[in-house]
Amino acid sequence: MTSLIATDPTTGDVIREVPAATAADIDNVIGRAEDAYNGWRRTAFADRAELLHEVSGRLRADSDAYAMLMTEEMGKPIGEARGEVAKAAWAADHYAEHAADYLSDDVIESDAARSYVQYLPLGPILGILPWNAPFWLAFRFCAPALMAGNTCVMKHDPHVPGCAAAIDRVFRESGAPEGVFASLPATTADVEQAIRDPRIRAVSFTGSDRGGAAVAAIAGSEIKPSVLELGGSDPCIVLADADLEQAANVVALSRIINAGQSCIAAKRIIVESAVHDEFVSLLRERLAALVVGDPREESTQIGPIARPDLRDRLHRQVTETVAAGAQCLLGGQIPSGEGYFYPVTLLTDVQPGMTACVEETFGPVAVVMRAADADRALALANATPYGLAASVWSTAERGEALAREVVAGQVAVNGIVKTDPRLPSGGVGRSGYGRELGKAGIHEFVNAQQVWVGPKRD
């Protein structure tokens, strides 16, 4: 029997093995979600909210245990992992409190006595999730979908089976009706069966652009909507009029959160020539002070890379970029010893076309590029097929003006790029389509039904 295997990236030891869902299991899970839908869609917003609030309370009450699951299965430092549990609970509470307003009827004047748009659920929604933020991404998917009256089938990454089982369990312990939320421990190869099942009405996918293309092709062939949140090569523009100290503080943090394994982390740091050397010095100082180590230790700021193949890919990107002429000011060497650690690495003199610019870097590697002026910085920022997130450091007025020219789904001006339940998040280009979070996110998986009520008015 095929199993889902969790390996502790700190030691390389197998810590958990879960039998993978069979074809019959997949059919049964989706069947329960379909059966539950007819009752769940008719529940009041207040009843749905009661469940989500109960779930959030349980997440907060047992935060340490849930956090440790992430630390064990994908190496997230324990402090960051607790923060992720709290953020997942925040998403549940946010939609519990705001879904009714987000989905209230839009009255539109026409020749009808009354005409409006009402937002109705679609049915069971399949969420296909990655390993890098196991709790947050699950609730980013399920909280709005559930509050809209859909049921949720969560196919989590096979490397975090303990996290997936815990999320499933917290819903059951919170009193969720059977089938309203279910974890589907399927292998990646068996996901197509779930996408094609006629009882699944839509798909939410977070992961690589390659994986997203495959999911979108299958969903499209079945004429099912999908939301894709894919990879990024996110630019961070630092101009000469920026607060360099603050920019260096935030850029360093953005680059190393979750050991740099974040789609929206600053990946290409584009610095205006006039302040390039000063900024690089500030950034190097901050990166060099970071503590890499056992993610179970409270003092650890950067844990291991989640898997050995991911570390190998990251190291290849670094070595190819250096071989092409970039300078390595920090790190750049795989350390000896157990686990999948990679040092904080700083590359400068990086040019367009080098590997670290062309590919998404998923690890604690800061890539710095020099730009003659703001126009060149903008051109470099947009010289990518991705368009997920970006940041600009300048005056607020100039930063807002530049934001209109940056091709990305979200832009932070003088701040860190982050996700927030109140604000929509998503990309353009090879970073995907659709939006999650905020009002826009809950509107992705609903039927915007027009209602026209006669008699016709003259």
Foldseek 3Di string as FASTA:
>chain_A
DDWQWFAFQQFRHTDDIGRADDLVRLVVLLVQQQVVLVVLQPDDLLVLLLLLLQLLVVLLVPLQVLLVLLCRRFNAFSVVSSVLSNQLSVLSNVCSPCVCVLFPWAWDDDLFPTKIWGWGFDEEEEEEEESLRLRNVVSLPQNLNSSRRYAYEYAYASSRVVSLVVSQVSSVVSPPPGSSYYYRPHHPVCVLSNLLPPRHQEYEYEEALVVVVVSCVSNVVNPHYYFYQHADQAEEEEEPQFPLLLVLVFLLLLCCRSQNQDRQRHQEYEYEPVCVVVSVVSNVVVQVPAAEDSSHDPRHDHYAGRDQVLLVVLLVLLVQQVVVPKDKPDFSDADDDGGHHGGQIEIEPGDPPRSSLADPRRGNYHYYYYANHDVRSQVSSQPYQWAFEYEYGHPPVVRVVSVVSHQHPYYHYSHHDDDHLQDWGFTDGSSTDFTTHHSRNSSSRIDRDMDGHDDGHD
